[in-house]
C-alpha atoms as a PDB file:
ATOM      1  CA  MET A   1       6.475 -18.702  -1.298  1.00  0.00           C
ATOM      2  CA  SER A   2       5.042 -15.427  -0.038  1.00  0.00           C
ATOM      3  CA  VAL A   3       3.703 -12.515  -2.105  1.00  0.00           C
ATOM      4  CA  LEU A   4       4.783  -8.863  -1.994  1.00  0.00           C
ATOM      5  CA  ARG A   5       2.060  -6.304  -2.787  1.00  0.00           C
ATOM      6  CA  GLU A   6       3.153  -2.840  -3.926  1.00  0.00           C
ATOM      7  CA  TRP A   7       0.966   0.249  -4.204  1.00  0.00           C
ATOM      8  CA  ARG A   8       2.349   3.671  -5.108  1.00  0.00           C
ATOM      9  CA  ALA A   9       0.953   7.099  -5.887  1.00  0.00           C
ATOM     10  CA  GLU A  10       1.862  10.763  -5.903  1.00  0.00           C
ATOM     11  CA  ILE A  11       0.592  12.961  -3.113  1.00  0.00           C
ATOM     12  CA  ARG A  12       0.634  16.647  -2.138  1.00  0.00           C
ATOM     13  CA  ARG A  13       4.038  17.251  -0.578  1.00  0.00           C
ATOM     14  CA  ASP A  14       2.705  19.765   1.938  1.00  0.00           C
ATOM     15  CA  LEU A  15       0.364  17.060   3.302  1.00  0.00           C
ATOM     16  CA  LYS A  16       2.980  14.261   3.374  1.00  0.00           C
ATOM     17  CA  LYS A  17       3.179  13.712   7.144  1.00  0.00           C
ATOM     18  CA  GLU A  18      -0.576  13.956   7.552  1.00  0.00           C
ATOM     19  CA  TYR A  19      -1.158  11.428   4.749  1.00  0.00           C
ATOM     20  CA  VAL A  20       1.459   8.983   6.006  1.00  0.00           C
ATOM     21  CA  ASP A  21      -0.228   9.065   9.411  1.00  0.00           C
ATOM     22  CA  TYR A  22      -3.582   8.470   7.693  1.00  0.00           C
ATOM     23  CA  VAL A  23      -2.228   5.542   5.642  1.00  0.00           C
ATOM     24  CA  VAL A  24      -0.758   3.961   8.790  1.00  0.00           C
ATOM     25  CA  THR A  25      -4.092   4.180  10.637  1.00  0.00           C
ATOM     26  CA  THR A  26      -6.186   2.956   7.683  1.00  0.00           C
ATOM     27  CA  GLY A  27      -4.398   0.845   5.063  1.00  0.00           C
ATOM     28  CA  ILE A  28      -1.464  -0.465   7.101  1.00  0.00           C
ATOM     29  CA  ALA A  29      -3.696  -1.192  10.083  1.00  0.00           C
ATOM     30  CA  SER A  30      -6.114  -3.035   7.801  1.00  0.00           C
ATOM     31  CA  TYR A  31      -3.272  -5.054   6.253  1.00  0.00           C
ATOM     32  CA  ARG A  32      -2.034  -6.090   9.670  1.00  0.00           C
ATOM     33  CA  ARG A  33      -5.499  -7.141  10.888  1.00  0.00           C
ATOM     34  CA  THR A  34      -5.955  -9.446   7.891  1.00  0.00           C
ATOM     35  CA  PRO A  35      -5.021 -13.090   8.508  1.00  0.00           C
ATOM     36  CA  GLY A  36      -2.069 -14.028   6.316  1.00  0.00           C
ATOM     37  CA  ASN A  37      -0.402 -10.605   6.396  1.00  0.00           C
ATOM     38  CA  LEU A  38       3.263 -10.970   7.240  1.00  0.00           C
ATOM     39  CA  GLY A  39       4.064  -7.262   7.605  1.00  0.00           C
ATOM     40  CA  ALA A  40       3.824  -3.885   5.899  1.00  0.00           C
ATOM     41  CA  VAL A  41       5.780  -0.651   5.538  1.00  0.00           C
ATOM     42  CA  VAL A  42       5.307   2.843   4.088  1.00  0.00           C
ATOM     43  CA  ALA A  43       8.041   4.738   2.261  1.00  0.00           C
ATOM     44  CA  VAL A  44       8.042   8.220   0.769  1.00  0.00           C
ATOM     45  CA  ARG A  45      10.352  10.300  -1.423  1.00  0.00           C
ATOM     46  CA  ASP A  46      10.005  13.903  -2.484  1.00  0.00           C
ATOM     47  CA  ILE A  47       9.799  14.307  -6.262  1.00  0.00           C
ATOM     48  CA  ASP A  48       9.807  18.119  -6.413  1.00  0.00           C
ATOM     49  CA  GLY A  49       8.493  21.085  -4.449  1.00  0.00           C
ATOM     50  CA  ASP A  50       4.867  20.034  -4.846  1.00  0.00           C
ATOM     51  CA  ARG A  51       4.865  16.249  -5.114  1.00  0.00           C
ATOM     52  CA  THR A  52       5.897  13.280  -2.984  1.00  0.00           C
ATOM     53  CA  GLU A  53       5.740   9.644  -4.021  1.00  0.00           C
ATOM     54  CA  ILE A  54       4.336   7.239  -1.454  1.00  0.00           C
ATOM     55  CA  VAL A  55       4.765   3.467  -1.593  1.00  0.00           C
ATOM     56  CA  THR A  56       3.192   0.790   0.579  1.00  0.00           C
ATOM     57  CA  LEU A  57       4.749  -2.641   0.586  1.00  0.00           C
ATOM     58  CA  SER A  58       2.964  -5.534   2.246  1.00  0.00           C
ATOM     59  CA  TRP A  59       3.990  -9.166   2.510  1.00  0.00           C
ATOM     60  CA  TRP A  60       1.393 -11.906   2.422  1.00  0.00           C
ATOM     61  CA  LYS A  61       1.347 -15.651   3.046  1.00  0.00           C
ATOM     62  CA  ASP A  62      -0.342 -16.212  -0.313  1.00  0.00           C
ATOM     63  CA  ARG A  63      -2.706 -14.611  -2.847  1.00  0.00           C
ATOM     64  CA  GLY A  64      -5.722 -15.905  -0.951  1.00  0.00           C
ATOM     65  CA  SER A  65      -4.658 -13.822   2.041  1.00  0.00           C
ATOM     66  CA  ILE A  66      -4.491 -10.745  -0.191  1.00  0.00           C
ATOM     67  CA  GLU A  67      -8.014 -11.501  -1.416  1.00  0.00           C
ATOM     68  CA  ALA A  68      -9.234 -11.343   2.189  1.00  0.00           C
ATOM     69  CA  PHE A  69      -7.937  -7.766   2.297  1.00  0.00           C
ATOM     70  CA  ALA A  70      -8.506  -6.497  -1.253  1.00  0.00           C
ATOM     71  CA  GLY A  71     -11.458  -8.507  -2.503  1.00  0.00           C
ATOM     72  CA  LYS A  72     -11.771 -10.942  -5.399  1.00  0.00           C
ATOM     73  CA  ASP A  73      -9.787  -8.799  -7.867  1.00  0.00           C
ATOM     74  CA  ILE A  74      -6.510  -8.461  -5.982  1.00  0.00           C
ATOM     75  CA  GLU A  75      -4.966  -6.449  -8.804  1.00  0.00           C
ATOM     76  CA  ARG A  76      -7.265  -3.477  -8.009  1.00  0.00           C
ATOM     77  CA  ALA A  77      -6.044  -0.870  -5.557  1.00  0.00           C
ATOM     78  CA  ARG A  78      -8.146  -0.393  -2.451  1.00  0.00           C
ATOM     79  CA  TYR A  79      -8.807   3.172  -1.341  1.00  0.00           C
ATOM     80  CA  PHE A  80     -10.103   4.696   1.859  1.00  0.00           C
ATOM     81  CA  PRO A  81     -12.614   7.565   2.285  1.00  0.00           C
ATOM     82  CA  GLU A  82     -10.173  10.493   2.721  1.00  0.00           C
ATOM     83  CA  ASP A  83      -7.556   9.399   0.119  1.00  0.00           C
ATOM     84  CA  ASP A  84      -8.738  11.855  -2.539  1.00  0.00           C
ATOM     85  CA  ARG A  85      -7.887  14.777  -0.263  1.00  0.00           C
ATOM     86  CA  TYR A  86      -4.184  13.884  -0.504  1.00  0.00           C
ATOM     87  CA  LEU A  87      -3.706  12.079  -3.800  1.00  0.00           C
ATOM     88  CA  LEU A  88      -2.481  13.636  -7.046  1.00  0.00           C
ATOM     89  CA  THR A  89      -2.583  10.277  -8.802  1.00  0.00           C
ATOM     90  CA  ARG A  90      -4.922   7.377  -8.114  1.00  0.00           C
ATOM     91  CA  PRO A  91      -3.612   4.225  -9.779  1.00  0.00           C
ATOM     92  CA  GLU A  92      -6.249   1.614 -10.388  1.00  0.00           C
ATOM     93  CA  LEU A  93      -3.874  -1.334 -10.113  1.00  0.00           C
ATOM     94  CA  VAL A  94      -1.189  -2.591  -7.732  1.00  0.00           C
ATOM     95  CA  GLN A  95       1.741  -4.875  -8.412  1.00  0.00           C
ATOM     96  CA  HIS A  96       2.341  -8.317  -6.949  1.00  0.00           C
ATOM     97  CA  TYR A  97       5.661 -10.142  -6.782  1.00  0.00           C
ATOM     98  CA  ASP A  98       6.431 -13.687  -5.761  1.00  0.00           C
ATOM     99  CA  SER A  99       8.911 -13.577  -2.905  1.00  0.00           C
ATOM    100  CA  SER A 100      11.234 -16.405  -1.956  1.00  0.00           C
ATOM    101  CA  ASP A 101      10.925 -17.377   1.677  1.00  0.00           C
ATOM    102  CA  LEU A 102      14.660 -18.177   1.656  1.00  0.00           C
ATOM    103  CA  VAL A 103      15.718 -14.557   1.159  1.00  0.00           C
ATOM    104  CA  ARG A 104      15.167 -12.291   4.164  1.00  0.00           C
END
């Protein structure tokens, strides 16, 4: 059984494209370099004229693989140096879901 990791936050809508590009080159690239990562995507939706919600979803072989990326406390969100420039919210925690390997 694999594990789905979900992180979401609100960002400045006027910086959406720039931040998505940043997330792809930092977080998503880091996910994909970590042994046990099975894939990752970024999704966004505009909330209003000022805010956009961003979500990263990553699939992992197991929780030990997530630990190799996130550290011992896999429930904690991992941030990168420039994140604060874009973020309106900075959740401390992420969500994990058990994912059946039979459903694709």
